[in-house]
């Protein structure tokens, strides 16, 4: 019978959930199952059945409790975003990733992992993910695409001010480290497929060092700074505060990351 799985993207996919993090989810099914309909007196097409199952899962995950909503669920990273089907077959997902996905969608795929569901479907997704990332159809424009997307995010999402540093979006912050890692992995994955085994930044940095794409000191510097930033964000989130700190507090860390960014992209 056809199987079903849930894929985590973003912080969930990257094993880096924070306090109050959204769940970025993509739902997939195996369209090559031995049956294309459910059993019963009124059979349903697999796509219809899995679509209903997905809506039920989202409903449960977003239930309101006396302590607030359980989770915010975001499904916009599925093929074609908000206009696409809520659940995709693995075949359709792979076709989309090969033929229609933008570079930023391959960056997002790098941060994905199967988190629940039928093991055969989870394994098939992981194999699909590695194939796409290793083959990387955007290599010619990769550096330009990654740099342009990062600049767009800075201009649209940063909440920093003249005095306050946005730990997530300002130059020298968390997103710069993530984009550096994603660019280097996608750029070198064809020659070093072991780079795409993991979905989290820390182990990707370790893999980049093992492949000598980064030196051990460079990888440790990026990893240590990333951990320091994330620890501050966690502390602020617990206090219900935005990810903003006085610029002087992280000036040395930010300057180090900005210099590294410039060495990679300029």
C-alpha atoms as a PDB file:
ATOM      1  CA  UNK A   1       0.000   0.000   0.000  1.00  0.00           C
ATOM      2  CA  UNK A   2       1.029   3.611  -0.517  1.00  0.00           C
ATOM      3  CA  UNK A   3       2.808   5.250   2.403  1.00  0.00           C
ATOM      4  CA  UNK A   4       2.895   8.735   3.904  1.00  0.00           C
ATOM      5  CA  UNK A   5       5.524  10.837   5.660  1.00  0.00           C
ATOM      6  CA  UNK A   6       6.054  14.270   7.169  1.00  0.00           C
ATOM      7  CA  UNK A   7       9.145  16.281   6.273  1.00  0.00           C
ATOM      8  CA  UNK A   8      10.443  18.985   8.577  1.00  0.00           C
ATOM      9  CA  UNK A   9      12.102  22.065   7.106  1.00  0.00           C
ATOM     10  CA  UNK A  10      13.749  25.092   8.681  1.00  0.00           C
ATOM     11  CA  UNK A  11      14.541  24.927  12.378  1.00  0.00           C
ATOM     12  CA  UNK A  12      12.716  21.599  12.764  1.00  0.00           C
ATOM     13  CA  UNK A  13      14.541  20.072   9.828  1.00  0.00           C
ATOM     14  CA  UNK A  14      17.831  21.493  11.031  1.00  0.00           C
ATOM     15  CA  UNK A  15      17.462  20.116  14.579  1.00  0.00           C
ATOM     16  CA  UNK A  16      17.462  23.674  15.915  1.00  0.00           C
ATOM     17  CA  UNK A  17      13.944  24.326  17.193  1.00  0.00           C
ATOM     18  CA  UNK A  18      13.787  27.307  19.502  1.00  0.00           C
ATOM     19  CA  UNK A  19      11.196  28.443  22.009  1.00  0.00           C
ATOM     20  CA  UNK A  20       8.097  29.387  20.034  1.00  0.00           C
ATOM     21  CA  UNK A  21       9.479  28.215  16.678  1.00  0.00           C
ATOM     22  CA  UNK A  22       7.004  27.518  13.893  1.00  0.00           C
ATOM     23  CA  UNK A  23       6.871  24.038  12.389  1.00  0.00           C
ATOM     24  CA  UNK A  24       7.764  24.186   8.686  1.00  0.00           C
ATOM     25  CA  UNK A  25       6.208  21.006   7.294  1.00  0.00           C
ATOM     26  CA  UNK A  26       5.889  19.336   3.905  1.00  0.00           C
ATOM     27  CA  UNK A  27       3.719  16.228   3.497  1.00  0.00           C
ATOM     28  CA  UNK A  28       4.528  13.494   0.983  1.00  0.00           C
ATOM     29  CA  UNK A  29       3.084  10.166  -0.098  1.00  0.00           C
ATOM     30  CA  UNK A  30       4.319   7.291  -2.200  1.00  0.00           C
ATOM     31  CA  UNK A  31       2.318   7.414  -5.414  1.00  0.00           C
ATOM     32  CA  UNK A  32       3.934   4.136  -6.502  1.00  0.00           C
ATOM     33  CA  UNK A  33       2.160   2.104  -3.830  1.00  0.00           C
ATOM     34  CA  UNK A  34       0.557  -1.170  -4.821  1.00  0.00           C
ATOM     35  CA  UNK A  35      -2.903   0.435  -4.647  1.00  0.00           C
ATOM     36  CA  UNK A  36      -4.101   3.849  -5.805  1.00  0.00           C
ATOM     37  CA  UNK A  37      -7.283   3.860  -3.708  1.00  0.00           C
ATOM     38  CA  UNK A  38      -8.234   3.150  -0.122  1.00  0.00           C
ATOM     39  CA  UNK A  39     -10.164   0.064   0.914  1.00  0.00           C
ATOM     40  CA  UNK A  40     -13.811   0.255   1.946  1.00  0.00           C
ATOM     41  CA  UNK A  41     -17.252   0.649   0.481  1.00  0.00           C
ATOM     42  CA  UNK A  42     -16.434   4.097  -0.897  1.00  0.00           C
ATOM     43  CA  UNK A  43     -12.790   4.055  -1.982  1.00  0.00           C
ATOM     44  CA  UNK A  44     -10.855   7.312  -2.052  1.00  0.00           C
ATOM     45  CA  UNK A  45      -8.024   8.189  -4.388  1.00  0.00           C
ATOM     46  CA  UNK A  46      -4.727   8.200  -2.490  1.00  0.00           C
ATOM     47  CA  UNK A  47      -4.191  11.915  -3.127  1.00  0.00           C
ATOM     48  CA  UNK A  48      -7.611  12.748  -1.657  1.00  0.00           C
ATOM     49  CA  UNK A  49      -7.103  10.471   1.347  1.00  0.00           C
ATOM     50  CA  UNK A  50      -3.652  11.855   2.156  1.00  0.00           C
ATOM     51  CA  UNK A  51      -4.915  15.401   1.688  1.00  0.00           C
ATOM     52  CA  UNK A  52      -7.587  14.788   4.338  1.00  0.00           C
ATOM     53  CA  UNK A  53      -5.045  13.120   6.612  1.00  0.00           C
ATOM     54  CA  UNK A  54      -2.726  16.115   6.269  1.00  0.00           C
ATOM     55  CA  UNK A  55      -5.470  18.573   7.206  1.00  0.00           C
ATOM     56  CA  UNK A  56      -6.288  16.475  10.255  1.00  0.00           C
ATOM     57  CA  UNK A  57      -2.645  16.443  11.352  1.00  0.00           C
ATOM     58  CA  UNK A  58      -2.386  20.219  10.956  1.00  0.00           C
ATOM     59  CA  UNK A  59      -5.604  20.642  12.944  1.00  0.00           C
ATOM     60  CA  UNK A  60      -4.221  18.576  15.829  1.00  0.00           C
ATOM     61  CA  UNK A  61      -0.846  20.355  15.817  1.00  0.00           C
ATOM     62  CA  UNK A  62      -2.465  23.798  15.914  1.00  0.00           C
ATOM     63  CA  UNK A  63      -5.045  23.106  18.641  1.00  0.00           C
ATOM     64  CA  UNK A  64      -5.568  25.856  21.185  1.00  0.00           C
ATOM     65  CA  UNK A  65      -4.990  24.903  24.819  1.00  0.00           C
ATOM     66  CA  UNK A  66      -5.336  26.834  28.100  1.00  0.00           C
ATOM     67  CA  UNK A  67      -1.643  27.688  27.682  1.00  0.00           C
ATOM     68  CA  UNK A  68      -2.052  28.855  24.097  1.00  0.00           C
ATOM     69  CA  UNK A  69      -1.771  27.331  20.648  1.00  0.00           C
ATOM     70  CA  UNK A  70       0.343  24.175  20.490  1.00  0.00           C
ATOM     71  CA  UNK A  71       2.282  25.099  17.349  1.00  0.00           C
ATOM     72  CA  UNK A  72       2.144  27.431  14.399  1.00  0.00           C
ATOM     73  CA  UNK A  73       2.395  25.297  11.258  1.00  0.00           C
ATOM     74  CA  UNK A  74       3.734  26.681   7.982  1.00  0.00           C
ATOM     75  CA  UNK A  75       3.308  24.566   4.840  1.00  0.00           C
ATOM     76  CA  UNK A  76       4.448  27.131   2.264  1.00  0.00           C
ATOM     77  CA  UNK A  77       7.711  25.322   1.501  1.00  0.00           C
ATOM     78  CA  UNK A  78       5.806  22.631  -0.398  1.00  0.00           C
ATOM     79  CA  UNK A  79       6.071  22.563  -4.211  1.00  0.00           C
ATOM     80  CA  UNK A  80       4.587  25.761  -5.706  1.00  0.00           C
ATOM     81  CA  UNK A  81       4.151  27.241  -2.238  1.00  0.00           C
ATOM     82  CA  UNK A  82       0.706  28.317  -1.086  1.00  0.00           C
ATOM     83  CA  UNK A  83      -0.787  27.622  -4.509  1.00  0.00           C
ATOM     84  CA  UNK A  84       0.424  24.002  -4.592  1.00  0.00           C
ATOM     85  CA  UNK A  85      -1.234  20.827  -3.381  1.00  0.00           C
ATOM     86  CA  UNK A  86      -1.099  20.391   0.388  1.00  0.00           C
ATOM     87  CA  UNK A  87       0.428  16.921   0.005  1.00  0.00           C
ATOM     88  CA  UNK A  88       2.707  15.812  -2.848  1.00  0.00           C
ATOM     89  CA  UNK A  89       3.729  12.481  -4.240  1.00  0.00           C
ATOM     90  CA  UNK A  90       7.453  11.794  -4.098  1.00  0.00           C
ATOM     91  CA  UNK A  91       7.461  11.664  -7.888  1.00  0.00           C
ATOM     92  CA  UNK A  92       5.892  15.119  -8.153  1.00  0.00           C
ATOM     93  CA  UNK A  93       8.224  16.518  -5.503  1.00  0.00           C
ATOM     94  CA  UNK A  94      11.325  15.295  -7.315  1.00  0.00           C
ATOM     95  CA  UNK A  95      10.074  16.599 -10.652  1.00  0.00           C
ATOM     96  CA  UNK A  96       9.387  20.005  -9.114  1.00  0.00           C
ATOM     97  CA  UNK A  97      12.809  20.159  -7.454  1.00  0.00           C
ATOM     98  CA  UNK A  98      14.530  19.296 -10.738  1.00  0.00           C
ATOM     99  CA  UNK A  99      12.516  21.421 -13.130  1.00  0.00           C
ATOM    100  CA  UNK A 100      10.908  24.322 -11.282  1.00  0.00           C
ATOM    101  CA  UNK A 101      12.573  24.949  -7.915  1.00  0.00           C
ATOM    102  CA  UNK A 102      14.488  28.167  -7.303  1.00  0.00           C
ATOM    103  CA  UNK A 103      17.910  28.209  -5.683  1.00  0.00           C
ATOM    104  CA  UNK A 104      16.414  29.256  -2.346  1.00  0.00           C
ATOM    105  CA  UNK A 105      14.223  26.141  -2.460  1.00  0.00           C
ATOM    106  CA  UNK A 106      17.334  23.982  -2.730  1.00  0.00           C
ATOM    107  CA  UNK A 107      18.753  25.913   0.220  1.00  0.00           C
ATOM    108  CA  UNK A 108      15.570  25.038   2.108  1.00  0.00           C
ATOM    109  CA  UNK A 109      15.822  21.403   0.998  1.00  0.00           C
ATOM    110  CA  UNK A 110      19.310  21.267   2.478  1.00  0.00           C
ATOM    111  CA  UNK A 111      17.709  22.014   5.872  1.00  0.00           C
ATOM    112  CA  UNK A 112      15.057  19.302   5.557  1.00  0.00           C
ATOM    113  CA  UNK A 113      14.667  15.796   6.974  1.00  0.00           C
ATOM    114  CA  UNK A 114      11.871  13.244   7.227  1.00  0.00           C
ATOM    115  CA  UNK A 115      10.563  13.416  10.798  1.00  0.00           C
ATOM    116  CA  UNK A 116       7.573  11.035  10.896  1.00  0.00           C
ATOM    117  CA  UNK A 117       5.651   8.491   8.861  1.00  0.00           C
ATOM    118  CA  UNK A 118       6.291   5.265   6.998  1.00  0.00           C
ATOM    119  CA  UNK A 119       9.965   4.347   7.065  1.00  0.00           C
ATOM    120  CA  UNK A 120      10.030   3.378   3.391  1.00  0.00           C
ATOM    121  CA  UNK A 121       8.700   6.805   2.407  1.00  0.00           C
ATOM    122  CA  UNK A 122      11.088   8.534   4.798  1.00  0.00           C
ATOM    123  CA  UNK A 123      14.018   6.652   3.296  1.00  0.00           C
ATOM    124  CA  UNK A 124      12.814   7.443  -0.224  1.00  0.00           C
ATOM    125  CA  UNK A 125      12.591  11.140   0.621  1.00  0.00           C
ATOM    126  CA  UNK A 126      16.107  11.177   2.067  1.00  0.00           C
ATOM    127  CA  UNK A 127      17.440   9.524  -1.096  1.00  0.00           C
ATOM    128  CA  UNK A 128      15.534  12.035  -3.246  1.00  0.00           C
ATOM    129  CA  UNK A 129      16.907  14.926  -1.190  1.00  0.00           C
ATOM    130  CA  UNK A 130      20.494  13.769  -1.621  1.00  0.00           C
ATOM    131  CA  UNK A 131      20.094  13.262  -5.375  1.00  0.00           C
ATOM    132  CA  UNK A 132      18.736  16.764  -5.887  1.00  0.00           C
ATOM    133  CA  UNK A 133      21.320  18.483  -3.693  1.00  0.00           C
ATOM    134  CA  UNK A 134      24.269  16.625  -5.197  1.00  0.00           C
ATOM    135  CA  UNK A 135      23.177  17.296  -8.770  1.00  0.00           C
ATOM    136  CA  UNK A 136      22.300  20.970  -8.027  1.00  0.00           C
ATOM    137  CA  UNK A 137      20.956  22.390 -11.289  1.00  0.00           C
ATOM    138  CA  UNK A 138      21.714  26.012 -10.291  1.00  0.00           C
ATOM    139  CA  UNK A 139      25.497  25.870  -9.940  1.00  0.00           C
ATOM    140  CA  UNK A 140      26.219  28.492 -12.626  1.00  0.00           C
ATOM    141  CA  UNK A 141      24.167  31.145 -10.841  1.00  0.00           C
ATOM    142  CA  UNK A 142      24.478  29.815  -7.296  1.00  0.00           C
ATOM    143  CA  UNK A 143      26.657  32.541  -5.767  1.00  0.00           C
ATOM    144  CA  UNK A 144      24.616  35.345  -7.319  1.00  0.00           C
ATOM    145  CA  UNK A 145      21.300  33.743  -6.339  1.00  0.00           C
ATOM    146  CA  UNK A 146      22.305  33.134  -2.718  1.00  0.00           C
ATOM    147  CA  UNK A 147      23.753  36.618  -2.307  1.00  0.00           C
ATOM    148  CA  UNK A 148      20.695  38.282  -3.868  1.00  0.00           C
ATOM    149  CA  UNK A 149      18.264  36.347  -1.670  1.00  0.00           C
ATOM    150  CA  UNK A 150      20.239  37.235   1.440  1.00  0.00           C
ATOM    151  CA  UNK A 151      20.219  40.922   0.519  1.00  0.00           C
ATOM    152  CA  UNK A 152      16.472  40.785  -0.028  1.00  0.00           C
ATOM    153  CA  UNK A 153      15.953  39.184   3.382  1.00  0.00           C
ATOM    154  CA  UNK A 154      18.090  41.832   5.079  1.00  0.00           C
ATOM    155  CA  UNK A 155      16.123  44.670   3.534  1.00  0.00           C
ATOM    156  CA  UNK A 156      12.683  43.136   4.154  1.00  0.00           C
ATOM    157  CA  UNK A 157      13.052  41.315   7.472  1.00  0.00           C
ATOM    158  CA  UNK A 158      15.659  43.094   9.585  1.00  0.00           C
ATOM    159  CA  UNK A 159      14.289  44.825  12.683  1.00  0.00           C
ATOM    160  CA  UNK A 160      17.643  46.319  13.620  1.00  0.00           C
ATOM    161  CA  UNK A 161      18.064  50.009  14.408  1.00  0.00           C
ATOM    162  CA  UNK A 162      20.959  52.432  14.764  1.00  0.00           C
ATOM    163  CA  UNK A 163      21.465  51.103  18.292  1.00  0.00           C
ATOM    164  CA  UNK A 164      20.078  47.557  18.201  1.00  0.00           C
ATOM    165  CA  UNK A 165      21.412  44.524  16.319  1.00  0.00           C
ATOM    166  CA  UNK A 166      18.975  41.993  14.855  1.00  0.00           C
ATOM    167  CA  UNK A 167      20.626  38.686  15.724  1.00  0.00           C
ATOM    168  CA  UNK A 168      18.758  36.856  12.993  1.00  0.00           C
ATOM    169  CA  UNK A 169      18.762  39.203  10.009  1.00  0.00           C
ATOM    170  CA  UNK A 170      21.356  41.961  10.322  1.00  0.00           C
ATOM    171  CA  UNK A 171      24.677  41.657   8.452  1.00  0.00           C
ATOM    172  CA  UNK A 172      26.979  39.457  10.502  1.00  0.00           C
ATOM    173  CA  UNK A 173      24.091  37.617  12.156  1.00  0.00           C
ATOM    174  CA  UNK A 174      22.582  34.145  12.166  1.00  0.00           C
ATOM    175  CA  UNK A 175      21.218  34.170   8.623  1.00  0.00           C
ATOM    176  CA  UNK A 176      24.609  35.161   7.201  1.00  0.00           C
ATOM    177  CA  UNK A 177      26.180  32.090   8.794  1.00  0.00           C
ATOM    178  CA  UNK A 178      23.379  29.853   7.515  1.00  0.00           C
ATOM    179  CA  UNK A 179      23.689  31.221   3.971  1.00  0.00           C
ATOM    180  CA  UNK A 180      27.480  30.834   3.969  1.00  0.00           C
ATOM    181  CA  UNK A 181      27.087  27.181   4.946  1.00  0.00           C
ATOM    182  CA  UNK A 182      24.322  26.548   2.414  1.00  0.00           C
ATOM    183  CA  UNK A 183      26.283  28.130  -0.407  1.00  0.00           C
ATOM    184  CA  UNK A 184      29.461  26.188   0.328  1.00  0.00           C
ATOM    185  CA  UNK A 185      27.601  22.876   0.639  1.00  0.00           C
ATOM    186  CA  UNK A 186      25.647  23.338  -2.602  1.00  0.00           C
ATOM    187  CA  UNK A 187      28.747  24.562  -4.437  1.00  0.00           C
ATOM    188  CA  UNK A 188      30.817  21.510  -3.496  1.00  0.00           C
ATOM    189  CA  UNK A 189      28.211  18.753  -3.045  1.00  0.00           C
ATOM    190  CA  UNK A 190      28.832  17.186  -6.449  1.00  0.00           C
ATOM    191  CA  UNK A 191      32.479  16.524  -5.613  1.00  0.00           C
ATOM    192  CA  UNK A 192      31.751  15.800  -1.931  1.00  0.00           C
ATOM    193  CA  UNK A 193      28.300  14.163  -1.593  1.00  0.00           C
ATOM    194  CA  UNK A 194      28.952  13.534   2.097  1.00  0.00           C
ATOM    195  CA  UNK A 195      28.261  17.250   2.637  1.00  0.00           C
ATOM    196  CA  UNK A 196      24.510  16.740   2.234  1.00  0.00           C
ATOM    197  CA  UNK A 197      24.144  13.858   4.685  1.00  0.00           C
ATOM    198  CA  UNK A 198      23.156  16.127   7.579  1.00  0.00           C
ATOM    199  CA  UNK A 199      20.519  18.864   7.732  1.00  0.00           C
ATOM    200  CA  UNK A 200      21.897  20.976  10.600  1.00  0.00           C
ATOM    201  CA  UNK A 201      24.412  23.809  10.371  1.00  0.00           C
ATOM    202  CA  UNK A 202      26.832  22.480  12.971  1.00  0.00           C
ATOM    203  CA  UNK A 203      27.407  19.087  11.352  1.00  0.00           C
ATOM    204  CA  UNK A 204      27.465  20.665   7.892  1.00  0.00           C
ATOM    205  CA  UNK A 205      30.269  22.928   9.113  1.00  0.00           C
ATOM    206  CA  UNK A 206      32.112  19.903  10.477  1.00  0.00           C
ATOM    207  CA  UNK A 207      31.696  18.172   7.103  1.00  0.00           C
ATOM    208  CA  UNK A 208      33.020  21.251   5.267  1.00  0.00           C
ATOM    209  CA  UNK A 209      36.118  21.106   7.462  1.00  0.00           C
ATOM    210  CA  UNK A 210      36.596  17.361   6.864  1.00  0.00           C
ATOM    211  CA  UNK A 211      36.450  18.012   3.122  1.00  0.00           C
ATOM    212  CA  UNK A 212      38.993  20.867   3.579  1.00  0.00           C
ATOM    213  CA  UNK A 213      36.608  23.390   2.037  1.00  0.00           C
ATOM    214  CA  UNK A 214      36.930  25.275   5.316  1.00  0.00           C
ATOM    215  CA  UNK A 215      39.848  25.084   7.678  1.00  0.00           C
ATOM    216  CA  UNK A 216      39.221  23.619  11.099  1.00  0.00           C
ATOM    217  CA  UNK A 217      39.622  27.069  12.656  1.00  0.00           C
ATOM    218  CA  UNK A 218      37.141  28.642  10.227  1.00  0.00           C
ATOM    219  CA  UNK A 219      34.532  25.963  10.870  1.00  0.00           C
ATOM    220  CA  UNK A 220      34.947  26.282  14.647  1.00  0.00           C
ATOM    221  CA  UNK A 221      34.714  30.062  14.467  1.00  0.00           C
ATOM    222  CA  UNK A 222      31.461  29.930  12.515  1.00  0.00           C
ATOM    223  CA  UNK A 223      30.068  27.165  14.710  1.00  0.00           C
ATOM    224  CA  UNK A 224      30.971  28.912  17.972  1.00  0.00           C
ATOM    225  CA  UNK A 225      29.489  32.215  16.815  1.00  0.00           C
ATOM    226  CA  UNK A 226      26.336  30.478  15.635  1.00  0.00           C
ATOM    227  CA  UNK A 227      25.921  28.784  19.015  1.00  0.00           C
ATOM    228  CA  UNK A 228      26.500  32.048  20.872  1.00  0.00           C
ATOM    229  CA  UNK A 229      23.893  33.837  18.785  1.00  0.00           C
ATOM    230  CA  UNK A 230      21.374  31.029  19.197  1.00  0.00           C
ATOM    231  CA  UNK A 231      21.864  30.959  22.974  1.00  0.00           C
ATOM    232  CA  UNK A 232      21.061  34.672  23.168  1.00  0.00           C
ATOM    233  CA  UNK A 233      17.984  34.210  20.958  1.00  0.00           C
ATOM    234  CA  UNK A 234      16.733  31.363  23.181  1.00  0.00           C
ATOM    235  CA  UNK A 235      17.149  33.498  26.285  1.00  0.00           C
ATOM    236  CA  UNK A 236      15.292  36.425  24.727  1.00  0.00           C
ATOM    237  CA  UNK A 237      12.514  34.139  23.440  1.00  0.00           C
ATOM    238  CA  UNK A 238      11.933  32.745  26.933  1.00  0.00           C
ATOM    239  CA  UNK A 239      11.526  36.308  28.169  1.00  0.00           C
ATOM    240  CA  UNK A 240       9.111  37.113  25.342  1.00  0.00           C
ATOM    241  CA  UNK A 241      11.582  39.559  23.793  1.00  0.00           C
ATOM    242  CA  UNK A 242      12.563  39.998  20.114  1.00  0.00           C
ATOM    243  CA  UNK A 243      15.998  38.908  18.902  1.00  0.00           C
ATOM    244  CA  UNK A 244      17.548  42.354  19.365  1.00  0.00           C
ATOM    245  CA  UNK A 245      20.628  43.277  21.414  1.00  0.00           C
ATOM    246  CA  UNK A 246      22.769  46.420  21.719  1.00  0.00           C
ATOM    247  CA  UNK A 247      25.200  46.491  18.806  1.00  0.00           C
ATOM    248  CA  UNK A 248      28.174  46.906  21.110  1.00  0.00           C
ATOM    249  CA  UNK A 249      27.341  43.585  22.765  1.00  0.00           C
ATOM    250  CA  UNK A 250      28.061  41.560  19.620  1.00  0.00           C
ATOM    251  CA  UNK A 251      30.194  43.962  17.577  1.00  0.00           C
ATOM    252  CA  UNK A 252      33.251  41.696  17.436  1.00  0.00           C
ATOM    253  CA  UNK A 253      31.225  38.614  16.513  1.00  0.00           C
ATOM    254  CA  UNK A 254      29.305  40.446  13.787  1.00  0.00           C
ATOM    255  CA  UNK A 255      32.458  41.990  12.307  1.00  0.00           C
ATOM    256  CA  UNK A 256      34.044  38.546  12.097  1.00  0.00           C
ATOM    257  CA  UNK A 257      31.050  37.101  10.225  1.00  0.00           C
ATOM    258  CA  UNK A 258      30.811  40.105   7.895  1.00  0.00           C
ATOM    259  CA  UNK A 259      34.482  39.673   6.977  1.00  0.00           C
ATOM    260  CA  UNK A 260      33.912  35.978   6.323  1.00  0.00           C
ATOM    261  CA  UNK A 261      30.859  36.744   4.180  1.00  0.00           C
ATOM    262  CA  UNK A 262      32.868  39.181   2.088  1.00  0.00           C
ATOM    263  CA  UNK A 263      35.660  36.649   1.610  1.00  0.00           C
ATOM    264  CA  UNK A 264      33.151  34.144   0.221  1.00  0.00           C
ATOM    265  CA  UNK A 265      30.803  36.311  -1.839  1.00  0.00           C
ATOM    266  CA  UNK A 266      32.859  39.301  -2.968  1.00  0.00           C
END
